[in-house]
Amino acid sequence: MNVREYIEANWDNTTRFFTEDKDTLIGLPYPYTVPCCEGAFQEMYYWDVYFTNVGLIKSGRLSQAKNNVDNMCYLINKFGFMPNGNRTYYLSRSQPPFLSQMVRCIYEKTGDIQWLSECFKALEKEYEFWENERQTPCGLNRYYGKFSHKELMDFSGLLCKRFNIERPEDEGTAESYGKAMYSFAESGWDCNSRMGFDCYNYAWMDLNALLFGVEMDMAFFSAELKNGREAIWTERAENRRGRMKKLLWNDALGAFCDFNFIVCKQADIISAAQFYPLFSGVCTKEQAERTVELLSEIEAEFGVACCEKREDLFGLQWDYPNGWACLQYVVVHGLLRYGYRKEALRIAEKYKRLVEKVFNTTGKLWEKYDVTTGGVSHNKEYETPAMMGWTAGVYIDFCSLIGE
């Protein structure tokens, strides 16, 4: 059995269908896709599903991809936002906003205008969540959370465990650590060395690039629905682009950077996140060209690492030398969007080769890999699980790009 045969044989093993709430599980009205066949991660996760849906659609499973989107719209209508996943303990936070892109992928396949109209209403609610709950004084958005004092203390302890540091005795510092952990958790990059322990005081470049994409998608949907709101959404997108250029663009580095709106300072680490503005179309041609010059700082033998190799990294799972399927996809499709096909195919081929190499020795796909050694990534945060999910979705997409 090769990798593609393994994926096709196991898609159904990642489908769950529970309509009733039970313990911490939130029931969903349609069958939903979870990342793993067994063991860890037996619930639907927000941003994971975007990359998984890419593979489902290319595998001829459009109906299941649509089920996933319909479940997300259900959760937004129920809670006012899309939670991290369908567990009660995830109601404190969301995850990177990829839903509009999922809707667009399916709508472009089906042309179902009534379905689009219903999704549009849910997407409006989600957008209001990001604008009302995650807005900052600089006019851009951050990852954060909704928490009690006890939850902050619990998350403070979790952050200290992840970073392998002593828990602070000062309550104010402990609270700040808890806020940082909530920000990390909502970002999906839990945890990373991009910004340090005050990451909740940053406008994240990847989040704002995604929200620009949401605004452009909503302009497209408005045109399709003929609701007269296309210009409003386009103006929102252009306003965001302008703020990102003013606050996040680092001309000396040649890339967008995360921005601390408290001290008005940019983070300087080079990471795969800097390709989100290419992925969402924020960059000018010249900005994209300069960002692509940084690709060598994160590219390795088997794909792209989360960030550059630096002495001040904490060695976390979203640091060098780890490579995640979602980031390979963002980088590859960001490169393709601006015409860097040779570079995109090179990265896709590297990651495809990595997945096949490890599959040939383990018989499984994995959550994350070490892109320098070509093995399964191991770190101090938790044991790396075998995973279908976005690894399967991105692998299928890259096979299609390469032409196999």
Protein backbone atom coordinates (compact mmCIF):
# COMPACT_ATOMS: atom_id res chain seq x y z
CA MET A 1 0.00 0.00 0.00
CA ASN A 2 1.41 3.40 -0.97
CA VAL A 3 0.60 6.73 0.71
CA ARG A 4 -2.30 7.59 -1.61
CA GLU A 5 -3.87 4.15 -1.17
CA TYR A 6 -3.46 4.45 2.60
CA ILE A 7 -5.22 7.82 2.61
CA GLU A 8 -8.12 6.62 0.47
CA ALA A 9 -8.52 3.55 2.68
CA ASN A 10 -8.66 5.65 5.85
CA TRP A 11 -10.78 8.72 5.05
CA ASP A 12 -13.87 7.00 6.46
CA ASN A 13 -11.94 6.14 9.63
CA THR A 14 -11.66 9.86 10.39
CA THR A 15 -15.41 10.53 10.07
CA ARG A 16 -17.49 10.85 13.23
CA PHE A 17 -21.23 11.47 13.67
CA PHE A 18 -22.56 12.44 17.10
CA THR A 19 -25.57 14.75 17.11
CA GLU A 20 -26.08 14.89 20.88
CA ASP A 21 -23.93 16.71 23.43
CA LYS A 22 -22.11 14.27 25.71
CA ASP A 23 -19.75 15.27 28.52
CA THR A 24 -17.42 17.83 26.88
CA LEU A 25 -18.32 16.89 23.31
CA ILE A 26 -20.61 19.28 21.41
CA GLY A 27 -22.88 17.35 19.06
CA LEU A 28 -23.00 18.37 15.41
CA PRO A 29 -25.84 17.95 12.90
CA TYR A 30 -23.73 16.39 10.14
CA PRO A 31 -20.89 13.86 9.97
CA TYR A 32 -17.59 15.59 10.69
CA THR A 33 -13.92 14.91 10.06
CA VAL A 34 -11.39 14.52 12.88
CA PRO A 35 -7.61 14.60 12.41
CA CYS A 36 -6.76 11.09 13.67
CA CYS A 37 -8.17 7.63 13.01
CA GLU A 38 -7.78 6.76 16.69
CA GLY A 39 -6.17 8.00 19.86
CA ALA A 40 -5.56 11.76 20.01
CA PHE A 41 -7.73 14.52 18.54
CA GLN A 42 -11.15 12.89 18.26
CA GLU A 43 -13.07 16.12 17.59
CA MET A 44 -13.35 18.55 14.67
CA TYR A 45 -10.73 21.31 14.72
CA TYR A 46 -11.28 24.62 12.97
CA TRP A 47 -8.23 25.37 10.84
CA ASP A 48 -7.26 21.72 10.43
CA VAL A 49 -10.44 21.19 8.42
CA TYR A 50 -9.49 23.69 5.69
CA PHE A 51 -6.42 21.67 4.69
CA THR A 52 -8.25 18.38 5.22
CA ASN A 53 -11.08 19.59 2.99
CA VAL A 54 -8.59 20.28 0.20
CA GLY A 55 -7.75 16.57 0.22
CA LEU A 56 -11.35 15.44 0.62
CA ILE A 57 -12.44 17.46 -2.42
CA LYS A 58 -9.56 16.17 -4.55
CA SER A 59 -10.49 12.63 -3.40
CA GLY A 60 -14.04 13.06 -4.71
CA ARG A 61 -15.55 13.55 -1.25
CA LEU A 62 -17.12 16.96 -1.80
CA SER A 63 -20.19 16.03 0.26
CA GLN A 64 -18.08 15.39 3.36
CA ALA A 65 -16.17 18.62 2.86
CA LYS A 66 -19.54 20.40 2.70
CA ASN A 67 -20.68 18.58 5.86
CA ASN A 68 -17.66 20.01 7.68
CA VAL A 69 -18.51 23.55 6.55
CA ASP A 70 -22.18 23.15 7.47
CA ASN A 71 -21.15 22.02 10.95
CA MET A 72 -19.00 25.12 11.33
CA CYS A 73 -21.86 27.38 10.30
CA TYR A 74 -24.01 25.58 12.86
CA LEU A 75 -21.46 26.30 15.60
CA ILE A 76 -21.18 29.96 14.60
CA ASN A 77 -24.95 30.36 14.69
CA LYS A 78 -25.05 28.65 18.09
CA PHE A 79 -22.14 30.41 19.80
CA GLY A 80 -21.52 33.55 17.75
CA PHE A 81 -18.08 32.39 16.56
CA MET A 82 -16.32 29.27 15.37
CA PRO A 83 -14.68 27.61 18.41
CA ASN A 84 -11.27 25.95 18.35
CA GLY A 85 -13.18 22.65 18.12
CA ASN A 86 -16.44 20.98 19.14
CA ARG A 87 -15.60 20.63 22.82
CA THR A 88 -16.98 22.77 25.64
CA TYR A 89 -13.43 23.53 26.83
CA TYR A 90 -12.71 25.10 23.43
CA LEU A 91 -15.44 27.73 23.79
CA SER A 92 -12.89 30.17 25.22
CA ARG A 93 -11.18 30.69 21.86
CA SER A 94 -11.30 30.30 18.09
CA GLN A 95 -8.56 29.40 15.58
CA PRO A 96 -7.19 30.93 12.34
CA PRO A 97 -10.20 32.06 10.23
CA PHE A 98 -10.14 29.83 7.15
CA LEU A 99 -13.91 29.30 6.85
CA SER A 100 -14.55 31.79 4.04
CA GLN A 101 -11.98 29.95 1.92
CA MET A 102 -13.68 26.63 2.66
CA VAL A 103 -17.01 28.11 1.58
CA ARG A 104 -15.50 29.49 -1.60
CA CYS A 105 -13.88 26.16 -2.52
CA ILE A 106 -17.22 24.37 -2.26
CA TYR A 107 -19.32 27.12 -3.87
CA GLU A 108 -17.01 27.17 -6.90
CA LYS A 109 -17.71 23.44 -7.28
CA THR A 110 -21.48 23.49 -6.73
CA GLY A 111 -22.69 26.97 -7.67
CA ASP A 112 -25.37 26.59 -4.96
CA ILE A 113 -26.45 30.20 -4.43
CA GLN A 114 -28.95 29.39 -1.67
CA TRP A 115 -26.31 27.53 0.29
CA LEU A 116 -23.92 30.45 -0.22
CA SER A 117 -26.55 32.83 1.13
CA GLU A 118 -26.82 30.84 4.36
CA CYS A 119 -23.05 30.58 4.72
CA PHE A 120 -22.72 34.33 4.13
CA LYS A 121 -24.85 35.03 7.21
CA ALA A 122 -22.65 32.81 9.37
CA LEU A 123 -19.49 34.38 7.95
CA GLU A 124 -20.80 37.84 8.83
CA LYS A 125 -21.24 36.71 12.44
CA GLU A 126 -17.74 35.28 12.52
CA TYR A 127 -16.28 38.48 11.08
CA GLU A 128 -18.07 40.50 13.77
CA PHE A 129 -16.45 38.26 16.40
CA TRP A 130 -12.96 39.02 15.11
CA GLU A 131 -13.69 42.73 14.81
CA ASN A 132 -15.45 43.09 18.17
CA GLU A 133 -13.53 40.61 20.33
CA ARG A 134 -10.03 40.62 18.79
CA GLN A 135 -9.61 44.26 17.71
CA THR A 136 -6.60 46.25 18.98
CA PRO A 137 -5.90 49.99 19.40
CA CYS A 138 -3.80 49.97 16.22
CA GLY A 139 -6.79 48.94 14.11
CA LEU A 140 -5.52 45.43 13.39
CA ASN A 141 -6.40 42.15 15.06
CA ARG A 142 -4.82 39.78 17.54
CA TYR A 143 -5.28 36.28 18.89
CA TYR A 144 -6.56 36.24 22.46
CA GLY A 145 -9.27 34.43 24.46
CA LYS A 146 -12.10 34.68 26.96
CA PHE A 147 -11.14 33.45 30.39
CA SER A 148 -11.73 33.50 34.14
CA HIS A 149 -8.99 34.07 36.72
CA LYS A 150 -8.80 30.35 37.42
CA GLU A 151 -8.47 29.56 33.73
CA LEU A 152 -5.68 32.12 33.44
CA MET A 153 -3.82 30.44 36.27
CA ASP A 154 -4.30 27.02 34.70
CA PHE A 155 -3.04 28.25 31.34
CA SER A 156 -0.13 30.00 33.05
CA GLY A 157 0.97 26.64 34.40
CA LEU A 158 0.57 25.07 30.98
CA LEU A 159 2.76 27.74 29.39
CA CYS A 160 5.49 27.22 31.98
CA LYS A 161 5.40 23.50 31.28
CA ARG A 162 5.60 24.04 27.52
CA PHE A 163 8.48 26.51 27.81
CA ASN A 164 10.18 24.54 30.59
CA ILE A 165 10.35 27.54 32.93
CA GLU A 166 9.50 28.04 36.59
CA ARG A 167 6.02 29.21 37.44
CA PRO A 168 6.14 32.85 38.61
CA GLU A 169 5.16 33.71 42.17
CA ASP A 170 3.94 37.15 41.16
CA GLU A 171 0.24 36.90 40.29
CA GLY A 172 0.40 39.64 37.65
CA THR A 173 3.17 37.85 35.79
CA ALA A 174 1.30 34.56 36.11
CA GLU A 175 -1.80 36.17 34.59
CA SER A 176 0.24 37.54 31.70
CA TYR A 177 1.59 34.04 31.06
CA GLY A 178 -1.97 32.73 30.99
CA LYS A 179 -3.00 35.38 28.47
CA ALA A 180 -0.02 34.47 26.32
CA MET A 181 -0.99 30.81 26.37
CA TYR A 182 -4.54 31.66 25.28
CA SER A 183 -3.11 33.73 22.43
CA PHE A 184 -0.83 30.88 21.38
CA ALA A 185 -3.72 28.40 21.55
CA GLU A 186 -6.04 30.51 19.41
CA SER A 187 -3.30 31.13 16.84
CA GLY A 188 -2.80 27.42 16.27
CA TRP A 189 0.95 28.02 16.75
CA ASP A 190 0.93 26.59 20.27
CA CYS A 191 3.66 27.23 21.14
CA ASN A 192 6.30 29.24 19.26
CA SER A 193 9.16 31.68 19.78
CA ARG A 194 7.94 34.39 17.38
CA MET A 195 6.91 37.00 19.95
CA GLY A 196 7.62 35.82 23.47
CA PHE A 197 5.31 35.94 26.49
CA ASP A 198 3.46 39.11 25.47
CA CYS A 199 2.19 37.72 22.16
CA TYR A 200 -1.33 38.88 23.07
CA ASN A 201 -0.05 42.46 22.68
CA TYR A 202 0.76 41.85 19.01
CA ALA A 203 -1.12 42.28 15.78
CA TRP A 204 -0.30 38.93 14.15
CA MET A 205 0.67 39.19 10.48
CA ASP A 206 -0.86 35.81 9.57
CA LEU A 207 -4.18 36.59 11.26
CA ASN A 208 -4.51 39.95 9.54
CA ALA A 209 -3.56 38.45 6.20
CA LEU A 210 -6.31 35.84 6.67
CA LEU A 211 -8.84 38.53 7.61
CA PHE A 212 -7.89 40.44 4.47
CA GLY A 213 -8.71 37.22 2.62
CA VAL A 214 -12.04 36.97 4.43
CA GLU A 215 -12.91 40.52 3.37
CA MET A 216 -12.02 39.79 -0.24
CA ASP A 217 -14.01 36.55 -0.18
CA MET A 218 -16.99 38.41 1.26
CA ALA A 219 -16.72 40.97 -1.56
CA PHE A 220 -16.79 38.07 -4.04
CA PHE A 221 -19.76 36.46 -2.29
CA SER A 222 -21.60 39.81 -2.22
CA ALA A 223 -21.18 40.10 -5.98
CA GLU A 224 -22.47 36.56 -6.46
CA LEU A 225 -25.44 37.22 -4.17
CA LYS A 226 -26.09 40.67 -5.68
CA ASN A 227 -26.66 42.09 -2.19
CA GLY A 228 -25.07 45.48 -2.91
CA ARG A 229 -22.29 45.07 -0.34
CA GLU A 230 -19.31 44.30 -2.56
CA ALA A 231 -17.86 47.82 -2.26
CA ILE A 232 -18.12 47.75 1.55
CA TRP A 233 -16.09 44.58 1.83
CA THR A 234 -13.55 45.72 -0.74
CA GLU A 235 -13.05 48.96 1.18
CA ARG A 236 -12.51 47.01 4.41
CA ALA A 237 -9.89 44.89 2.71
CA GLU A 238 -8.05 47.89 1.28
CA ASN A 239 -8.12 49.66 4.64
CA ARG A 240 -6.58 46.59 6.26
CA ARG A 241 -3.94 46.37 3.54
CA GLY A 242 -3.04 49.99 4.21
CA ARG A 243 -2.72 49.48 7.97
CA MET A 244 -0.65 46.34 7.43
CA LYS A 245 1.72 48.20 5.12
CA LYS A 246 2.08 51.03 7.64
CA LEU A 247 2.51 48.95 10.79
CA LEU A 248 3.62 45.45 9.80
CA TRP A 249 5.82 45.92 6.74
CA ASN A 250 9.54 45.92 7.61
CA ASP A 251 11.39 47.45 4.69
CA ALA A 252 14.83 46.62 6.09
CA LEU A 253 13.94 42.92 6.39
CA GLY A 254 11.77 42.84 3.30
CA ALA A 255 8.71 41.19 4.83
CA PHE A 256 5.62 41.73 6.96
CA CYS A 257 6.24 41.22 10.69
CA ASP A 258 4.18 40.82 13.86
CA PHE A 259 3.65 44.22 15.54
CA ASN A 260 3.58 44.99 19.27
CA PHE A 261 0.96 47.72 19.55
CA ILE A 262 1.92 48.54 23.16
CA VAL A 263 5.56 49.50 22.52
CA CYS A 264 5.16 50.03 18.74
CA LYS A 265 7.87 47.54 17.81
CA GLN A 266 8.00 44.71 15.28
CA ALA A 267 9.20 41.19 15.96
CA ASP A 268 12.22 40.37 13.81
CA ILE A 269 12.14 36.58 13.48
CA ILE A 270 11.87 35.12 9.97
CA SER A 271 9.11 32.52 9.81
CA ALA A 272 6.72 30.74 7.48
CA ALA A 273 4.04 33.15 8.72
CA GLN A 274 5.57 35.81 6.48
CA PHE A 275 4.18 33.93 3.50
CA TYR A 276 0.57 34.41 4.63
CA PRO A 277 0.45 37.88 2.99
CA LEU A 278 1.38 36.13 -0.28
CA PHE A 279 -1.15 33.37 0.35
CA SER A 280 -3.98 35.88 0.89
CA GLY A 281 -2.91 38.37 -1.77
CA VAL A 282 -1.98 41.27 0.54
CA CYS A 283 1.47 41.80 -1.01
CA THR A 284 2.34 43.99 -3.93
CA LYS A 285 4.51 42.32 -6.57
CA GLU A 286 7.57 44.06 -5.13
CA GLN A 287 6.76 43.02 -1.54
CA ALA A 288 6.28 39.42 -2.65
CA GLU A 289 9.62 39.47 -4.46
CA ARG A 290 11.43 40.65 -1.35
CA THR A 291 9.69 38.12 0.90
CA VAL A 292 10.61 35.26 -1.44
CA GLU A 293 14.26 36.24 -0.97
CA LEU A 294 13.86 35.06 2.65
CA LEU A 295 12.73 31.57 1.64
CA SER A 296 16.25 30.20 2.03
CA GLU A 297 16.14 31.06 5.75
CA ILE A 298 13.36 28.52 6.42
CA GLU A 299 13.79 26.02 3.56
CA ALA A 300 15.42 22.70 4.41
CA GLU A 301 15.99 19.36 2.69
CA PHE A 302 12.43 18.16 3.33
CA GLY A 303 10.35 21.34 3.18
CA VAL A 304 10.01 24.56 5.15
CA ALA A 305 10.53 24.92 8.88
CA CYS A 306 8.26 27.03 11.08
CA CYS A 307 10.99 29.63 11.45
CA GLU A 308 14.67 30.33 10.92
CA LYS A 309 17.34 28.66 13.05
CA ARG A 310 18.29 30.96 15.94
CA GLU A 311 20.06 30.63 19.25
CA ASP A 312 17.23 32.30 21.17
CA LEU A 313 14.53 29.78 20.20
CA PHE A 314 12.81 27.81 22.97
CA GLY A 315 12.79 24.61 20.91
CA LEU A 316 8.98 24.45 20.72
CA GLN A 317 6.84 22.46 18.31
CA TRP A 318 6.21 25.55 16.13
CA ASP A 319 9.91 26.39 15.96
CA TYR A 320 12.82 25.23 13.82
CA PRO A 321 13.31 22.47 12.66
CA ASN A 322 9.67 21.35 12.69
CA GLY A 323 7.58 21.39 9.55
CA TRP A 324 3.77 21.24 9.57
CA ALA A 325 1.58 20.37 6.58
CA CYS A 326 -0.45 23.57 6.88
CA LEU A 327 2.64 25.77 6.61
CA GLN A 328 3.96 23.86 3.59
CA TYR A 329 0.59 24.52 1.92
CA VAL A 330 0.55 28.23 2.77
CA VAL A 331 4.08 28.75 1.50
CA VAL A 332 3.56 26.74 -1.69
CA HIS A 333 0.28 28.41 -2.60
CA GLY A 334 1.61 31.82 -1.64
CA LEU A 335 4.49 31.29 -4.05
CA LEU A 336 2.13 30.07 -6.77
CA ARG A 337 -0.12 33.10 -6.36
CA TYR A 338 2.73 35.44 -7.27
CA GLY A 339 4.17 33.35 -10.08
CA TYR A 340 7.01 31.54 -8.27
CA ARG A 341 6.09 28.16 -9.67
CA LYS A 342 9.58 26.67 -9.69
CA GLU A 343 10.07 27.44 -6.00
CA ALA A 344 6.56 26.22 -5.14
CA LEU A 345 7.01 22.88 -6.88
CA ARG A 346 10.40 22.43 -5.25
CA ILE A 347 8.89 22.79 -1.77
CA ALA A 348 5.94 20.56 -2.67
CA GLU A 349 8.25 17.84 -3.95
CA LYS A 350 10.38 18.01 -0.81
CA TYR A 351 7.41 17.60 1.51
CA LYS A 352 5.88 14.86 -0.62
CA ARG A 353 9.17 12.97 -0.48
CA LEU A 354 9.29 13.42 3.29
CA VAL A 355 5.79 12.00 3.84
CA GLU A 356 6.61 9.00 1.62
CA LYS A 357 9.97 8.41 3.31
CA VAL A 358 8.48 8.26 6.79
CA PHE A 359 5.46 6.26 5.61
CA ASN A 360 7.76 3.62 4.15
CA THR A 361 9.34 3.07 7.58
CA THR A 362 6.32 3.59 9.88
CA GLY A 363 3.28 2.79 7.74
CA LYS A 364 1.57 6.00 8.92
CA LEU A 365 1.22 9.73 8.35
CA TRP A 366 2.20 12.08 11.18
CA GLU A 367 1.12 15.39 12.67
CA LYS A 368 4.48 17.07 12.08
CA TYR A 369 7.97 16.24 10.82
CA ASP A 370 11.56 17.34 11.23
CA VAL A 371 12.31 18.90 7.85
CA THR A 372 16.08 18.76 8.41
CA THR A 373 16.43 15.04 9.17
CA GLY A 374 13.39 13.71 7.33
CA GLY A 375 11.90 12.00 10.37
CA VAL A 376 8.95 12.33 12.72
CA SER A 377 9.23 15.46 14.87
CA HIS A 378 9.67 14.84 18.58
CA ASN A 379 9.51 17.58 21.19
CA LYS A 380 8.91 18.18 24.88
CA GLU A 381 5.30 19.39 24.57
CA TYR A 382 3.47 16.15 23.78
CA GLU A 383 4.06 12.93 21.89
CA THR A 384 3.60 13.43 18.15
CA PRO A 385 0.49 11.50 17.06
CA ALA A 386 -0.10 9.57 13.86
CA MET A 387 -2.45 11.78 11.86
CA MET A 388 -4.43 11.84 8.65
CA GLY A 389 -6.07 15.29 8.68
CA TRP A 390 -4.08 18.07 7.13
CA THR A 391 -1.09 15.82 6.39
CA ALA A 392 -3.30 13.73 4.08
CA GLY A 393 -4.97 16.79 2.55
CA VAL A 394 -1.73 18.59 1.76
CA TYR A 395 -0.06 15.44 0.45
CA ILE A 396 -2.91 14.88 -2.02
CA ASP A 397 -2.81 18.53 -3.09
CA PHE A 398 0.94 18.42 -3.69
CA CYS A 399 0.65 15.20 -5.71
CA SER A 400 -1.89 17.01 -7.88
CA LEU A 401 0.39 20.02 -8.29
CA ILE A 402 3.36 17.89 -9.22
CA GLY A 403 1.22 15.95 -11.66
CA GLU A 404 1.09 12.50 -10.09
